[in-house]
Amino acid sequence: MIIKKIPKMQLVVCKGDPYDLGYQYGQQAAGKIRGSIAFYTDYFAKESKLTWEECQKTAMKWLPFLHEHWGLLVTEMRGMFMVDL
């Protein structure tokens, strides 16, 4: 039997309103967030031939819809990205 070591999940503890939750999460998981951004920057460049800036511009078109349907989540994401990533 082959047993693979499963990496531990990072525990992130946050308190407060949605903005504060996002900010605290961003502080505690900044390295993982940077890693995800680097991965998707490369992935989208290869798969869609779009720069990361072009992907962000396209994504921003969805912001009104997301804010209307999941406003608290958008607020949390705003807090997360106020951290210096």
C-alpha atoms as a PDB file:
ATOM      1  CA  MET A   1       0.000   0.000   0.000  1.00  0.00           C
ATOM      2  CA  ILE A   2       1.320   3.450  -0.938  1.00  0.00           C
ATOM      3  CA  ILE A   3       0.525   6.167   1.545  1.00  0.00           C
ATOM      4  CA  LYS A   4       0.850   9.750   0.396  1.00  0.00           C
ATOM      5  CA  LYS A   5       1.472  12.497   2.870  1.00  0.00           C
ATOM      6  CA  ILE A   6      -1.370  15.004   2.650  1.00  0.00           C
ATOM      7  CA  PRO A   7      -0.293  18.604   3.234  1.00  0.00           C
ATOM      8  CA  LYS A   8      -1.896  20.316   6.179  1.00  0.00           C
ATOM      9  CA  MET A   9      -4.478  22.976   5.518  1.00  0.00           C
ATOM     10  CA  GLN A  10      -3.677  26.430   6.845  1.00  0.00           C
ATOM     11  CA  LEU A  11      -5.945  27.457   9.689  1.00  0.00           C
ATOM     12  CA  VAL A  12      -7.127  31.035   9.324  1.00  0.00           C
ATOM     13  CA  VAL A  13      -9.041  32.597  12.214  1.00  0.00           C
ATOM     14  CA  CYS A  14     -10.910  35.833  11.529  1.00  0.00           C
ATOM     15  CA  LYS A  15     -13.457  37.960  13.394  1.00  0.00           C
ATOM     16  CA  GLY A  16     -15.514  40.975  12.458  1.00  0.00           C
ATOM     17  CA  ASP A  17     -17.573  42.309   9.608  1.00  0.00           C
ATOM     18  CA  PRO A  18     -17.092  41.033   6.025  1.00  0.00           C
ATOM     19  CA  TYR A  19     -14.430  43.632   5.184  1.00  0.00           C
ATOM     20  CA  ASP A  20     -12.456  42.800   8.339  1.00  0.00           C
ATOM     21  CA  LEU A  21     -12.778  39.072   7.637  1.00  0.00           C
ATOM     22  CA  GLY A  22     -11.314  39.567   4.177  1.00  0.00           C
ATOM     23  CA  TYR A  23      -8.506  41.768   5.431  1.00  0.00           C
ATOM     24  CA  GLN A  24      -7.550  39.332   8.175  1.00  0.00           C
ATOM     25  CA  TYR A  25      -7.696  36.420   5.741  1.00  0.00           C
ATOM     26  CA  GLY A  26      -5.507  38.341   3.308  1.00  0.00           C
ATOM     27  CA  GLN A  27      -2.947  39.007   6.032  1.00  0.00           C
ATOM     28  CA  GLN A  28      -2.820  35.405   7.185  1.00  0.00           C
ATOM     29  CA  ALA A  29      -2.878  33.739   3.771  1.00  0.00           C
ATOM     30  CA  ALA A  30      -0.953  36.305   1.701  1.00  0.00           C
ATOM     31  CA  GLY A  31       1.629  33.786   0.514  1.00  0.00           C
ATOM     32  CA  LYS A  32      -1.016  31.331  -0.665  1.00  0.00           C
ATOM     33  CA  ILE A  33      -2.971  34.125  -2.366  1.00  0.00           C
ATOM     34  CA  ARG A  34       0.173  35.313  -4.168  1.00  0.00           C
ATOM     35  CA  GLY A  35       0.794  31.720  -5.264  1.00  0.00           C
ATOM     36  CA  SER A  36      -2.736  31.425  -6.638  1.00  0.00           C
ATOM     37  CA  ILE A  37      -2.425  34.717  -8.506  1.00  0.00           C
ATOM     38  CA  ALA A  38       0.880  33.574 -10.018  1.00  0.00           C
ATOM     39  CA  PHE A  39      -0.673  30.259 -11.077  1.00  0.00           C
ATOM     40  CA  TYR A  40      -3.713  31.868 -12.700  1.00  0.00           C
ATOM     41  CA  THR A  41      -1.639  34.606 -14.342  1.00  0.00           C
ATOM     42  CA  ASP A  42       0.347  31.880 -16.104  1.00  0.00           C
ATOM     43  CA  TYR A  43      -2.694  29.662 -16.732  1.00  0.00           C
ATOM     44  CA  PHE A  44      -4.791  32.372 -18.364  1.00  0.00           C
ATOM     45  CA  ALA A  45      -1.834  33.567 -20.436  1.00  0.00           C
ATOM     46  CA  LYS A  46      -1.405  30.051 -21.834  1.00  0.00           C
ATOM     47  CA  GLU A  47      -5.068  29.104 -22.193  1.00  0.00           C
ATOM     48  CA  SER A  48      -6.695  32.364 -23.261  1.00  0.00           C
ATOM     49  CA  LYS A  49      -3.712  34.398 -24.486  1.00  0.00           C
ATOM     50  CA  LEU A  50      -4.843  37.209 -22.171  1.00  0.00           C
ATOM     51  CA  THR A  51      -2.586  39.140 -19.828  1.00  0.00           C
ATOM     52  CA  TRP A  52      -3.473  39.217 -16.157  1.00  0.00           C
ATOM     53  CA  GLU A  53      -4.519  42.854 -16.568  1.00  0.00           C
ATOM     54  CA  GLU A  54      -6.885  41.886 -19.397  1.00  0.00           C
ATOM     55  CA  CYS A  55      -8.334  39.093 -17.251  1.00  0.00           C
ATOM     56  CA  GLN A  56      -8.922  41.543 -14.407  1.00  0.00           C
ATOM     57  CA  LYS A  57     -10.626  43.994 -16.754  1.00  0.00           C
ATOM     58  CA  THR A  58     -12.927  41.238 -18.036  1.00  0.00           C
ATOM     59  CA  ALA A  59     -13.689  40.069 -14.504  1.00  0.00           C
ATOM     60  CA  MET A  60     -14.609  43.603 -13.416  1.00  0.00           C
ATOM     61  CA  LYS A  61     -17.529  43.547 -15.862  1.00  0.00           C
ATOM     62  CA  TRP A  62     -19.134  41.006 -13.521  1.00  0.00           C
ATOM     63  CA  LEU A  63     -18.737  43.154 -10.409  1.00  0.00           C
ATOM     64  CA  PRO A  64     -22.229  44.755 -10.525  1.00  0.00           C
ATOM     65  CA  PHE A  65     -23.863  41.314 -10.805  1.00  0.00           C
ATOM     66  CA  LEU A  66     -21.709  39.872  -8.026  1.00  0.00           C
ATOM     67  CA  HIS A  67     -22.352  42.870  -5.805  1.00  0.00           C
ATOM     68  CA  GLU A  68     -26.103  42.601  -6.364  1.00  0.00           C
ATOM     69  CA  HIS A  69     -26.274  38.881  -5.561  1.00  0.00           C
ATOM     70  CA  TRP A  70     -23.339  38.369  -3.185  1.00  0.00           C
ATOM     71  CA  GLY A  71     -22.572  41.835  -1.843  1.00  0.00           C
ATOM     72  CA  LEU A  72     -21.101  40.654   1.454  1.00  0.00           C
ATOM     73  CA  LEU A  73     -18.708  38.330  -0.363  1.00  0.00           C
ATOM     74  CA  VAL A  74     -17.587  41.215  -2.609  1.00  0.00           C
ATOM     75  CA  THR A  75     -16.975  43.304   0.514  1.00  0.00           C
ATOM     76  CA  GLU A  76     -14.920  40.471   1.980  1.00  0.00           C
ATOM     77  CA  MET A  77     -12.870  40.211  -1.221  1.00  0.00           C
ATOM     78  CA  ARG A  78     -12.244  43.967  -1.169  1.00  0.00           C
ATOM     79  CA  GLY A  79     -10.843  43.625   2.338  1.00  0.00           C
ATOM     80  CA  MET A  80      -8.639  40.734   1.287  1.00  0.00           C
ATOM     81  CA  PHE A  81      -7.094  42.639  -1.560  1.00  0.00           C
ATOM     82  CA  MET A  82      -6.319  45.696   0.547  1.00  0.00           C
ATOM     83  CA  VAL A  83      -3.479  43.619   1.981  1.00  0.00           C
ATOM     84  CA  ASP A  84      -0.151  44.174   0.235  1.00  0.00           C
ATOM     85  CA  LEU A  85      -0.041  41.049  -1.882  1.00  0.00           C
END
